[in-house]
Amino acid sequence: MTEPETSPTLERVTLNGDSWSRVIELPRPIAESIRRMLERYGIPSVLRTPWQWVQATPVIELETGGFMGMVGLFVPEVMQLQALRVLEDAGLFDPDLLEPEEASD
């Protein structure tokens, strides 16, 4: 299995006027599962494929073999720490990877 990629410096982007942070990069089928897990905690998320932003993925797209490579999982920047805690509890994130100023945000 591919190890998740977490970056010591989290990527930030503006999407629809809001600031979003990339919290993890995974193969798309796994990222879709993580996205649904975050949703259960009330944390919205989007995936960034090489071609587009994905806010919702119909099951048919996954079944028919849409893009399955590495994607970035982004959450609203204001919910970044909450999302990272959920990922940490799931064993997908190590908070020691953050630079000191990011850990205190």
PDB file of N, CA and C in Angstrom:
ATOM      1  N   MET A   1       0.840  -1.188   0.000  1.00  0.00           N
ATOM      2  CA  MET A   1       0.000   0.000   0.000  1.00  0.00           C
ATOM      3  C   MET A   1       0.875   1.238   0.000  1.00  0.00           C
ATOM      4  N   THR A   2       0.459   2.256  -0.702  1.00  0.00           N
ATOM      5  CA  THR A   2       1.192   3.503  -0.760  1.00  0.00           C
ATOM      6  C   THR A   2       1.063   4.245   0.559  1.00  0.00           C
ATOM      7  N   GLU A   3       2.187   4.708   1.079  1.00  0.00           N
ATOM      8  CA  GLU A   3       2.163   5.492   2.315  1.00  0.00           C
ATOM      9  C   GLU A   3       1.574   6.871   2.034  1.00  0.00           C
ATOM     10  N   PRO A   4       0.739   7.399   2.946  1.00  0.00           N
ATOM     11  CA  PRO A   4       0.211   8.743   2.740  1.00  0.00           C
ATOM     12  C   PRO A   4       1.343   9.760   2.784  1.00  0.00           C
ATOM     13  N   GLU A   5       1.220  10.781   1.984  1.00  0.00           N
ATOM     14  CA  GLU A   5       2.210  11.848   2.000  1.00  0.00           C
ATOM     15  C   GLU A   5       1.653  13.016   2.788  1.00  0.00           C
ATOM     16  N   THR A   6       2.343  13.344   3.866  1.00  0.00           N
ATOM     17  CA  THR A   6       1.993  14.544   4.612  1.00  0.00           C
ATOM     18  C   THR A   6       3.179  15.471   4.507  1.00  0.00           C
ATOM     19  N   SER A   7       2.911  16.724   4.335  1.00  0.00           N
ATOM     20  CA  SER A   7       3.964  17.694   4.123  1.00  0.00           C
ATOM     21  C   SER A   7       4.204  18.506   5.384  1.00  0.00           C
ATOM     22  N   PRO A   8       5.478  18.742   5.739  1.00  0.00           N
ATOM     23  CA  PRO A   8       5.742  19.609   6.884  1.00  0.00           C
ATOM     24  C   PRO A   8       5.183  21.019   6.676  1.00  0.00           C
ATOM     25  N   THR A   9       5.090  21.438   5.429  1.00  0.00           N
ATOM     26  CA  THR A   9       4.493  22.724   5.115  1.00  0.00           C
ATOM     27  C   THR A   9       3.219  22.436   4.331  1.00  0.00           C
ATOM     28  N   LEU A  10       2.087  22.680   4.948  1.00  0.00           N
ATOM     29  CA  LEU A  10       0.817  22.344   4.322  1.00  0.00           C
ATOM     30  C   LEU A  10       0.467  23.360   3.239  1.00  0.00           C
ATOM     31  N   GLU A  11       0.107  22.852   2.067  1.00  0.00           N
ATOM     32  CA  GLU A  11      -0.263  23.697   0.935  1.00  0.00           C
ATOM     33  C   GLU A  11      -1.582  24.403   1.219  1.00  0.00           C
ATOM     34  N   ARG A  12      -1.640  25.693   0.867  1.00  0.00           N
ATOM     35  CA  ARG A  12      -2.865  26.473   1.035  1.00  0.00           C
ATOM     36  C   ARG A  12      -3.279  27.033  -0.318  1.00  0.00           C
ATOM     37  N   VAL A  13      -4.597  27.018  -0.564  1.00  0.00           N
ATOM     38  CA  VAL A  13      -5.144  27.548  -1.811  1.00  0.00           C
ATOM     39  C   VAL A  13      -6.424  28.308  -1.491  1.00  0.00           C
ATOM     40  N   THR A  14      -6.836  29.141  -2.433  1.00  0.00           N
ATOM     41  CA  THR A  14      -8.128  29.814  -2.320  1.00  0.00           C
ATOM     42  C   THR A  14      -9.076  29.135  -3.285  1.00  0.00           C
ATOM     43  N   LEU A  15     -10.212  28.699  -2.764  1.00  0.00           N
ATOM     44  CA  LEU A  15     -11.218  28.017  -3.568  1.00  0.00           C
ATOM     45  C   LEU A  15     -12.558  28.650  -3.258  1.00  0.00           C
ATOM     46  N   ASN A  16     -13.192  29.209  -4.275  1.00  0.00           N
ATOM     47  CA  ASN A  16     -14.482  29.893  -4.106  1.00  0.00           C
ATOM     48  C   ASN A  16     -14.413  30.978  -3.029  1.00  0.00           C
ATOM     49  N   GLY A  17     -13.281  31.664  -2.963  1.00  0.00           N
ATOM     50  CA  GLY A  17     -13.118  32.778  -2.032  1.00  0.00           C
ATOM     51  C   GLY A  17     -12.705  32.392  -0.624  1.00  0.00           C
ATOM     52  N   ASP A  18     -12.604  31.097  -0.331  1.00  0.00           N
ATOM     53  CA  ASP A  18     -12.209  30.637   0.994  1.00  0.00           C
ATOM     54  C   ASP A  18     -10.820  30.011   0.944  1.00  0.00           C
ATOM     55  N   SER A  19     -10.121  30.065   2.066  1.00  0.00           N
ATOM     56  CA  SER A  19      -8.793  29.479   2.165  1.00  0.00           C
ATOM     57  C   SER A  19      -8.915  28.013   2.593  1.00  0.00           C
ATOM     58  N   TRP A  20      -8.289  27.126   1.824  1.00  0.00           N
ATOM     59  CA  TRP A  20      -8.307  25.691   2.094  1.00  0.00           C
ATOM     60  C   TRP A  20      -6.876  25.208   2.257  1.00  0.00           C
ATOM     61  N   SER A  21      -6.671  24.180   3.083  1.00  0.00           N
ATOM     62  CA  SER A  21      -5.347  23.604   3.321  1.00  0.00           C
ATOM     63  C   SER A  21      -5.324  22.142   2.918  1.00  0.00           C
ATOM     64  N   ARG A  22      -4.228  21.750   2.262  1.00  0.00           N
ATOM     65  CA  ARG A  22      -4.043  20.323   1.956  1.00  0.00           C
ATOM     66  C   ARG A  22      -3.521  19.660   3.217  1.00  0.00           C
ATOM     67  N   VAL A  23      -4.225  18.639   3.659  1.00  0.00           N
ATOM     68  CA  VAL A  23      -3.817  17.970   4.885  1.00  0.00           C
ATOM     69  C   VAL A  23      -3.170  16.612   4.634  1.00  0.00           C
ATOM     70  N   ILE A  24      -3.407  16.038   3.456  1.00  0.00           N
ATOM     71  CA  ILE A  24      -2.813  14.739   3.150  1.00  0.00           C
ATOM     72  C   ILE A  24      -2.924  14.482   1.660  1.00  0.00           C
ATOM     73  N   GLU A  25      -2.051  13.624   1.153  1.00  0.00           N
ATOM     74  CA  GLU A  25      -2.112  13.210  -0.249  1.00  0.00           C
ATOM     75  C   GLU A  25      -2.096  11.688  -0.275  1.00  0.00           C
ATOM     76  N   LEU A  26      -3.070  11.131  -0.969  1.00  0.00           N
ATOM     77  CA  LEU A  26      -3.274   9.682  -1.000  1.00  0.00           C
ATOM     78  C   LEU A  26      -3.771   9.245  -2.364  1.00  0.00           C
ATOM     79  N   PRO A  27      -3.705   7.934  -2.656  1.00  0.00           N
ATOM     80  CA  PRO A  27      -4.388   7.450  -3.855  1.00  0.00           C
ATOM     81  C   PRO A  27      -5.889   7.738  -3.716  1.00  0.00           C
ATOM     82  N   ARG A  28      -6.524   8.062  -4.811  1.00  0.00           N
ATOM     83  CA  ARG A  28      -7.908   8.537  -4.755  1.00  0.00           C
ATOM     84  C   ARG A  28      -8.885   7.615  -4.037  1.00  0.00           C
ATOM     85  N   PRO A  29      -8.851   6.297  -4.252  1.00  0.00           N
ATOM     86  CA  PRO A  29      -9.841   5.474  -3.535  1.00  0.00           C
ATOM     87  C   PRO A  29      -9.724   5.608  -2.007  1.00  0.00           C
ATOM     88  N   ILE A  30      -8.504   5.712  -1.518  1.00  0.00           N
ATOM     89  CA  ILE A  30      -8.307   5.875  -0.073  1.00  0.00           C
ATOM     90  C   ILE A  30      -8.717   7.278   0.356  1.00  0.00           C
ATOM     91  N   ALA A  31      -8.365   8.284  -0.453  1.00  0.00           N
ATOM     92  CA  ALA A  31      -8.742   9.659  -0.135  1.00  0.00           C
ATOM     93  C   ALA A  31     -10.257   9.819  -0.075  1.00  0.00           C
ATOM     94  N   GLU A  32     -10.969   9.114  -0.955  1.00  0.00           N
ATOM     95  CA  GLU A  32     -12.440   9.170  -0.925  1.00  0.00           C
ATOM     96  C   GLU A  32     -12.963   8.643   0.407  1.00  0.00           C
ATOM     97  N   SER A  33     -12.367   7.582   0.920  1.00  0.00           N
ATOM     98  CA  SER A  33     -12.779   7.036   2.213  1.00  0.00           C
ATOM     99  C   SER A  33     -12.492   8.023   3.342  1.00  0.00           C
ATOM    100  N   ILE A  34     -11.323   8.636   3.300  1.00  0.00           N
ATOM    101  CA  ILE A  34     -10.954   9.618   4.333  1.00  0.00           C
ATOM    102  C   ILE A  34     -11.893  10.820   4.257  1.00  0.00           C
ATOM    103  N   ARG A  35     -12.220  11.223   3.032  1.00  0.00           N
ATOM    104  CA  ARG A  35     -13.131  12.363   2.853  1.00  0.00           C
ATOM    105  C   ARG A  35     -14.481  12.069   3.500  1.00  0.00           C
ATOM    106  N   ARG A  36     -14.972  10.867   3.327  1.00  0.00           N
ATOM    107  CA  ARG A  36     -16.256  10.493   3.945  1.00  0.00           C
ATOM    108  C   ARG A  36     -16.136  10.414   5.474  1.00  0.00           C
ATOM    109  N   MET A  37     -14.980   9.980   5.971  1.00  0.00           N
ATOM    110  CA  MET A  37     -14.760   9.944   7.410  1.00  0.00           C
ATOM    111  C   MET A  37     -14.795  11.371   7.983  1.00  0.00           C
ATOM    112  N   LEU A  38     -14.108  12.299   7.318  1.00  0.00           N
ATOM    113  CA  LEU A  38     -14.119  13.689   7.774  1.00  0.00           C
ATOM    114  C   LEU A  38     -15.531  14.254   7.754  1.00  0.00           C
ATOM    115  N   GLU A  39     -16.304  13.883   6.739  1.00  0.00           N
ATOM    116  CA  GLU A  39     -17.687  14.349   6.622  1.00  0.00           C
ATOM    117  C   GLU A  39     -18.507  13.942   7.847  1.00  0.00           C
ATOM    118  N   ARG A  40     -18.260  12.734   8.351  1.00  0.00           N
ATOM    119  CA  ARG A  40     -18.977  12.274   9.553  1.00  0.00           C
ATOM    120  C   ARG A  40     -18.663  13.152  10.765  1.00  0.00           C
ATOM    121  N   TYR A  41     -17.498  13.795  10.766  1.00  0.00           N
ATOM    122  CA  TYR A  41     -17.125  14.710  11.843  1.00  0.00           C
ATOM    123  C   TYR A  41     -17.537  16.146  11.532  1.00  0.00           C
ATOM    124  N   GLY A  42     -18.264  16.343  10.451  1.00  0.00           N
ATOM    125  CA  GLY A  42     -18.721  17.683  10.085  1.00  0.00           C
ATOM    126  C   GLY A  42     -17.653  18.541   9.428  1.00  0.00           C
ATOM    127  N   ILE A  43     -16.625  17.911   8.892  1.00  0.00           N
ATOM    128  CA  ILE A  43     -15.528  18.646   8.249  1.00  0.00           C
ATOM    129  C   ILE A  43     -15.670  18.508   6.735  1.00  0.00           C
ATOM    130  N   PRO A  44     -15.995  19.600   6.035  1.00  0.00           N
ATOM    131  CA  PRO A  44     -16.083  19.523   4.573  1.00  0.00           C
ATOM    132  C   PRO A  44     -14.691  19.341   3.972  1.00  0.00           C
ATOM    133  N   SER A  45     -14.631  18.700   2.832  1.00  0.00           N
ATOM    134  CA  SER A  45     -13.345  18.505   2.173  1.00  0.00           C
ATOM    135  C   SER A  45     -13.552  18.403   0.669  1.00  0.00           C
ATOM    136  N   VAL A  46     -12.476  18.641  -0.054  1.00  0.00           N
ATOM    137  CA  VAL A  46     -12.470  18.486  -1.505  1.00  0.00           C
ATOM    138  C   VAL A  46     -11.182  17.774  -1.895  1.00  0.00           C
ATOM    139  N   LEU A  47     -11.223  17.121  -3.038  1.00  0.00           N
ATOM    140  CA  LEU A  47     -10.045  16.466  -3.574  1.00  0.00           C
ATOM    141  C   LEU A  47      -9.538  17.271  -4.755  1.00  0.00           C
ATOM    142  N   ARG A  48      -8.223  17.282  -4.906  1.00  0.00           N
ATOM    143  CA  ARG A  48      -7.624  17.962  -6.055  1.00  0.00           C
ATOM    144  C   ARG A  48      -6.883  16.916  -6.887  1.00  0.00           C
ATOM    145  N   THR A  49      -7.466  16.626  -8.053  1.00  0.00           N
ATOM    146  CA  THR A  49      -6.810  15.733  -9.003  1.00  0.00           C
ATOM    147  C   THR A  49      -5.912  16.602  -9.873  1.00  0.00           C
ATOM    148  N   PRO A  50      -5.116  15.990 -10.739  1.00  0.00           N
ATOM    149  CA  PRO A  50      -4.293  16.822 -11.625  1.00  0.00           C
ATOM    150  C   PRO A  50      -5.112  17.737 -12.537  1.00  0.00           C
ATOM    151  N   TRP A  51      -6.426  17.433 -12.710  1.00  0.00           N
ATOM    152  CA  TRP A  51      -7.228  18.187 -13.665  1.00  0.00           C
ATOM    153  C   TRP A  51      -8.312  19.044 -13.058  1.00  0.00           C
ATOM    154  N   GLN A  52      -8.767  18.730 -11.851  1.00  0.00           N
ATOM    155  CA  GLN A  52      -9.940  19.437 -11.338  1.00  0.00           C
ATOM    156  C   GLN A  52     -10.065  19.301  -9.826  1.00  0.00           C
ATOM    157  N   TRP A  53     -10.975  20.097  -9.283  1.00  0.00           N
ATOM    158  CA  TRP A  53     -11.390  19.968  -7.888  1.00  0.00           C
ATOM    159  C   TRP A  53     -12.613  19.065  -7.854  1.00  0.00           C
ATOM    160  N   VAL A  54     -12.682  18.165  -6.886  1.00  0.00           N
ATOM    161  CA  VAL A  54     -13.793  17.230  -6.781  1.00  0.00           C
ATOM    162  C   VAL A  54     -14.451  17.421  -5.420  1.00  0.00           C
ATOM    163  N   GLN A  55     -15.702  17.882  -5.450  1.00  0.00           N
ATOM    164  CA  GLN A  55     -16.436  18.082  -4.200  1.00  0.00           C
ATOM    165  C   GLN A  55     -17.329  16.899  -3.872  1.00  0.00           C
ATOM    166  N   ALA A  56     -17.768  16.183  -4.870  1.00  0.00           N
ATOM    167  CA  ALA A  56     -18.606  14.995  -4.677  1.00  0.00           C
ATOM    168  C   ALA A  56     -18.250  14.005  -5.775  1.00  0.00           C
ATOM    169  N   THR A  57     -18.181  12.746  -5.418  1.00  0.00           N
ATOM    170  CA  THR A  57     -17.814  11.729  -6.386  1.00  0.00           C
ATOM    171  C   THR A  57     -18.914  10.690  -6.469  1.00  0.00           C
ATOM    172  N   PRO A  58     -19.587  10.606  -7.606  1.00  0.00           N
ATOM    173  CA  PRO A  58     -20.581   9.556  -7.768  1.00  0.00           C
ATOM    174  C   PRO A  58     -19.894   8.191  -7.741  1.00  0.00           C
ATOM    175  N   VAL A  59     -20.525   7.223  -7.129  1.00  0.00           N
ATOM    176  CA  VAL A  59     -19.954   5.875  -7.041  1.00  0.00           C
ATOM    177  C   VAL A  59     -19.640   5.338  -8.430  1.00  0.00           C
ATOM    178  N   ILE A  60     -20.458   5.655  -9.422  1.00  0.00           N
ATOM    179  CA  ILE A  60     -20.235   5.151 -10.773  1.00  0.00           C
ATOM    180  C   ILE A  60     -18.867   5.580 -11.306  1.00  0.00           C
ATOM    181  N   GLU A  61     -18.417   6.784 -10.939  1.00  0.00           N
ATOM    182  CA  GLU A  61     -17.103   7.243 -11.401  1.00  0.00           C
ATOM    183  C   GLU A  61     -15.992   6.357 -10.835  1.00  0.00           C
ATOM    184  N   LEU A  62     -16.127   5.974  -9.577  1.00  0.00           N
ATOM    185  CA  LEU A  62     -15.124   5.092  -8.978  1.00  0.00           C
ATOM    186  C   LEU A  62     -15.196   3.691  -9.573  1.00  0.00           C
ATOM    187  N   GLU A  63     -16.410   3.229  -9.823  1.00  0.00           N
ATOM    188  CA  GLU A  63     -16.579   1.880 -10.366  1.00  0.00           C
ATOM    189  C   GLU A  63     -16.075   1.760 -11.802  1.00  0.00           C
ATOM    190  N   THR A  64     -16.184   2.834 -12.561  1.00  0.00           N
ATOM    191  CA  THR A  64     -15.785   2.772 -13.967  1.00  0.00           C
ATOM    192  C   THR A  64     -14.325   3.146 -14.182  1.00  0.00           C
ATOM    193  N   GLY A  65     -13.602   3.387 -13.103  1.00  0.00           N
ATOM    194  CA  GLY A  65     -12.166   3.596 -13.230  1.00  0.00           C
ATOM    195  C   GLY A  65     -11.761   4.997 -13.607  1.00  0.00           C
ATOM    196  N   GLY A  66     -12.403   6.012 -13.024  1.00  0.00           N
ATOM    197  CA  GLY A  66     -11.928   7.380 -13.206  1.00  0.00           C
ATOM    198  C   GLY A  66     -10.510   7.496 -12.661  1.00  0.00           C
ATOM    199  N   PHE A  67      -9.982   8.679 -12.535  1.00  0.00           N
ATOM    200  CA  PHE A  67      -8.613   8.883 -12.071  1.00  0.00           C
ATOM    201  C   PHE A  67      -8.438   8.280 -10.682  1.00  0.00           C
ATOM    202  N   MET A  68      -7.494   7.361 -10.525  1.00  0.00           N
ATOM    203  CA  MET A  68      -7.257   6.668  -9.262  1.00  0.00           C
ATOM    204  C   MET A  68      -5.878   6.955  -8.681  1.00  0.00           C
ATOM    205  N   GLY A  69      -5.153   7.912  -9.269  1.00  0.00           N
ATOM    206  CA  GLY A  69      -3.805   8.237  -8.787  1.00  0.00           C
ATOM    207  C   GLY A  69      -3.832   9.084  -7.520  1.00  0.00           C
ATOM    208  N   MET A  70      -2.696   9.689  -7.227  1.00  0.00           N
ATOM    209  CA  MET A  70      -2.549  10.502  -6.020  1.00  0.00           C
ATOM    210  C   MET A  70      -3.352  11.803  -6.150  1.00  0.00           C
ATOM    211  N   VAL A  71      -4.075  12.130  -5.085  1.00  0.00           N
ATOM    212  CA  VAL A  71      -4.854  13.364  -5.023  1.00  0.00           C
ATOM    213  C   VAL A  71      -4.582  14.046  -3.694  1.00  0.00           C
ATOM    214  N   GLY A  72      -4.735  15.360  -3.678  1.00  0.00           N
ATOM    215  CA  GLY A  72      -4.629  16.112  -2.442  1.00  0.00           C
ATOM    216  C   GLY A  72      -5.989  16.215  -1.782  1.00  0.00           C
ATOM    217  N   LEU A  73      -6.030  16.056  -0.468  1.00  0.00           N
ATOM    218  CA  LEU A  73      -7.265  16.205   0.295  1.00  0.00           C
ATOM    219  C   LEU A  73      -7.181  17.538   1.024  1.00  0.00           C
ATOM    220  N   PHE A  74      -8.108  18.429   0.694  1.00  0.00           N
ATOM    221  CA  PHE A  74      -8.114  19.784   1.251  1.00  0.00           C
ATOM    222  C   PHE A  74      -9.319  19.978   2.158  1.00  0.00           C
ATOM    223  N   VAL A  75      -9.122  20.751   3.223  1.00  0.00           N
ATOM    224  CA  VAL A  75     -10.204  21.130   4.140  1.00  0.00           C
ATOM    225  C   VAL A  75     -10.151  22.638   4.315  1.00  0.00           C
ATOM    226  N   PRO A  76     -11.262  23.261   4.744  1.00  0.00           N
ATOM    227  CA  PRO A  76     -11.198  24.696   5.014  1.00  0.00           C
ATOM    228  C   PRO A  76     -10.103  24.968   6.048  1.00  0.00           C
ATOM    229  N   GLU A  77      -9.334  26.005   5.808  1.00  0.00           N
ATOM    230  CA  GLU A  77      -8.207  26.302   6.698  1.00  0.00           C
ATOM    231  C   GLU A  77      -8.659  26.467   8.153  1.00  0.00           C
ATOM    232  N   VAL A  78      -9.862  27.004   8.356  1.00  0.00           N
ATOM    233  CA  VAL A  78     -10.351  27.195   9.727  1.00  0.00           C
ATOM    234  C   VAL A  78     -10.638  25.865  10.425  1.00  0.00           C
ATOM    235  N   MET A  79     -10.713  24.767   9.676  1.00  0.00           N
ATOM    236  CA  MET A  79     -10.971  23.441  10.257  1.00  0.00           C
ATOM    237  C   MET A  79      -9.749  22.520  10.135  1.00  0.00           C
ATOM    238  N   GLN A  80      -8.628  23.089   9.746  1.00  0.00           N
ATOM    239  CA  GLN A  80      -7.425  22.298   9.506  1.00  0.00           C
ATOM    240  C   GLN A  80      -6.994  21.504  10.741  1.00  0.00           C
ATOM    241  N   LEU A  81      -6.901  22.139  11.893  1.00  0.00           N
ATOM    242  CA  LEU A  81      -6.443  21.432  13.091  1.00  0.00           C
ATOM    243  C   LEU A  81      -7.411  20.330  13.502  1.00  0.00           C
ATOM    244  N   GLN A  82      -8.701  20.593  13.372  1.00  0.00           N
ATOM    245  CA  GLN A  82      -9.704  19.575  13.683  1.00  0.00           C
ATOM    246  C   GLN A  82      -9.536  18.375  12.744  1.00  0.00           C
ATOM    247  N   ALA A  83      -9.322  18.639  11.463  1.00  0.00           N
ATOM    248  CA  ALA A  83      -9.131  17.555  10.493  1.00  0.00           C
ATOM    249  C   ALA A  83      -7.856  16.774  10.796  1.00  0.00           C
ATOM    250  N   LEU A  84      -6.791  17.481  11.150  1.00  0.00           N
ATOM    251  CA  LEU A  84      -5.537  16.803  11.464  1.00  0.00           C
ATOM    252  C   LEU A  84      -5.676  15.923  12.704  1.00  0.00           C
ATOM    253  N   ARG A  85      -6.485  16.355  13.668  1.00  0.00           N
ATOM    254  CA  ARG A  85      -6.722  15.519  14.857  1.00  0.00           C
ATOM    255  C   ARG A  85      -7.454  14.228  14.474  1.00  0.00           C
ATOM    256  N   VAL A  86      -8.439  14.344  13.583  1.00  0.00           N
ATOM    257  CA  VAL A  86      -9.158  13.158  13.123  1.00  0.00           C
ATOM    258  C   VAL A  86      -8.195  12.219  12.400  1.00  0.00           C
ATOM    259  N   LEU A  87      -7.340  12.777  11.524  1.00  0.00           N
ATOM    260  CA  LEU A  87      -6.373  11.959  10.805  1.00  0.00           C
ATOM    261  C   LEU A  87      -5.361  11.327  11.759  1.00  0.00           C
ATOM    262  N   GLU A  88      -4.958  12.074  12.787  1.00  0.00           N
ATOM    263  CA  GLU A  88      -4.028  11.537  13.778  1.00  0.00           C
ATOM    264  C   GLU A  88      -4.660  10.357  14.517  1.00  0.00           C
ATOM    265  N   ASP A  89      -5.922  10.507  14.926  1.00  0.00           N
ATOM    266  CA  ASP A  89      -6.625   9.419  15.611  1.00  0.00           C
ATOM    267  C   ASP A  89      -6.743   8.183  14.732  1.00  0.00           C
ATOM    268  N   ALA A  90      -6.808   8.388  13.405  1.00  0.00           N
ATOM    269  CA  ALA A  90      -6.910   7.270  12.459  1.00  0.00           C
ATOM    270  C   ALA A  90      -5.530   6.716  12.090  1.00  0.00           C
ATOM    271  N   GLY A  91      -4.467   7.305  12.649  1.00  0.00           N
ATOM    272  CA  GLY A  91      -3.115   6.840  12.363  1.00  0.00           C
ATOM    273  C   GLY A  91      -2.575   7.298  11.025  1.00  0.00           C
ATOM    274  N   LEU A  92      -3.143   8.370  10.460  1.00  0.00           N
ATOM    275  CA  LEU A  92      -2.735   8.854   9.140  1.00  0.00           C
ATOM    276  C   LEU A  92      -1.918  10.139   9.184  1.00  0.00           C
ATOM    277  N   PHE A  93      -1.659  10.653  10.379  1.00  0.00           N
ATOM    278  CA  PHE A  93      -0.950  11.922  10.466  1.00  0.00           C
ATOM    279  C   PHE A  93      -0.114  11.945  11.734  1.00  0.00           C
ATOM    280  N   ASP A  94       1.089  12.458  11.623  1.00  0.00           N
ATOM    281  CA  ASP A  94       1.983  12.622  12.767  1.00  0.00           C
ATOM    282  C   ASP A  94       2.164  14.116  13.008  1.00  0.00           C
ATOM    283  N   PRO A  95       1.648  14.655  14.134  1.00  0.00           N
ATOM    284  CA  PRO A  95       1.749  16.096  14.382  1.00  0.00           C
ATOM    285  C   PRO A  95       3.182  16.576  14.521  1.00  0.00           C
ATOM    286  N   ASP A  96       4.124  15.692  14.771  1.00  0.00           N
ATOM    287  CA  ASP A  96       5.531  16.100  14.878  1.00  0.00           C
ATOM    288  C   ASP A  96       6.106  16.538  13.537  1.00  0.00           C
ATOM    289  N   LEU A  97       5.385  16.257  12.427  1.00  0.00           N
ATOM    290  CA  LEU A  97       5.846  16.679  11.110  1.00  0.00           C
ATOM    291  C   LEU A  97       5.631  18.166  10.862  1.00  0.00           C
ATOM    292  N   LEU A  98       4.747  18.793  11.642  1.00  0.00           N
ATOM    293  CA  LEU A  98       4.469  20.216  11.454  1.00  0.00           C
ATOM    294  C   LEU A  98       5.601  21.070  11.973  1.00  0.00           C
ATOM    295  N   GLU A  99       5.827  22.176  11.285  1.00  0.00           N
ATOM    296  CA  GLU A  99       6.791  23.148  11.775  1.00  0.00           C
ATOM    297  C   GLU A  99       6.172  23.840  12.980  1.00  0.00           C
ATOM    298  N   PRO A 100       6.974  24.327  13.933  1.00  0.00           N
ATOM    299  CA  PRO A 100       6.437  24.888  15.174  1.00  0.00           C
ATOM    300  C   PRO A 100       5.356  25.947  15.002  1.00  0.00           C
ATOM    301  N   GLU A 101       5.520  26.867  14.046  1.00  0.00           N
ATOM    302  CA  GLU A 101       4.500  27.917  13.891  1.00  0.00           C
ATOM    303  C   GLU A 101       3.202  27.364  13.360  1.00  0.00           C
ATOM    304  N   GLU A 102       3.222  26.283  12.584  1.00  0.00           N
ATOM    305  CA  GLU A 102       1.989  25.688  12.086  1.00  0.00           C
ATOM    306  C   GLU A 102       1.276  24.899  13.174  1.00  0.00           C
ATOM    307  N   ALA A 103       2.028  24.269  14.056  1.00  0.00           N
ATOM    308  CA  ALA A 103       1.441  23.482  15.124  1.00  0.00           C
ATOM    309  C   ALA A 103       0.663  24.356  16.098  1.00  0.00           C
ATOM    310  N   SER A 104       1.029  25.622  16.198  1.00  0.00           N
ATOM    311  CA  SER A 104       0.348  26.510  17.143  1.00  0.00           C
ATOM    312  C   SER A 104      -0.774  27.300  16.520  1.00  0.00           C
ATOM    313  N   ASP A 105      -0.971  27.200  15.187  1.00  0.00           N
ATOM    314  CA  ASP A 105      -2.065  27.933  14.514  1.00  0.00           C
ATOM    315  C   ASP A 105      -3.415  27.482  15.015  1.00  0.00           C
TER     316      ASP A 105
END
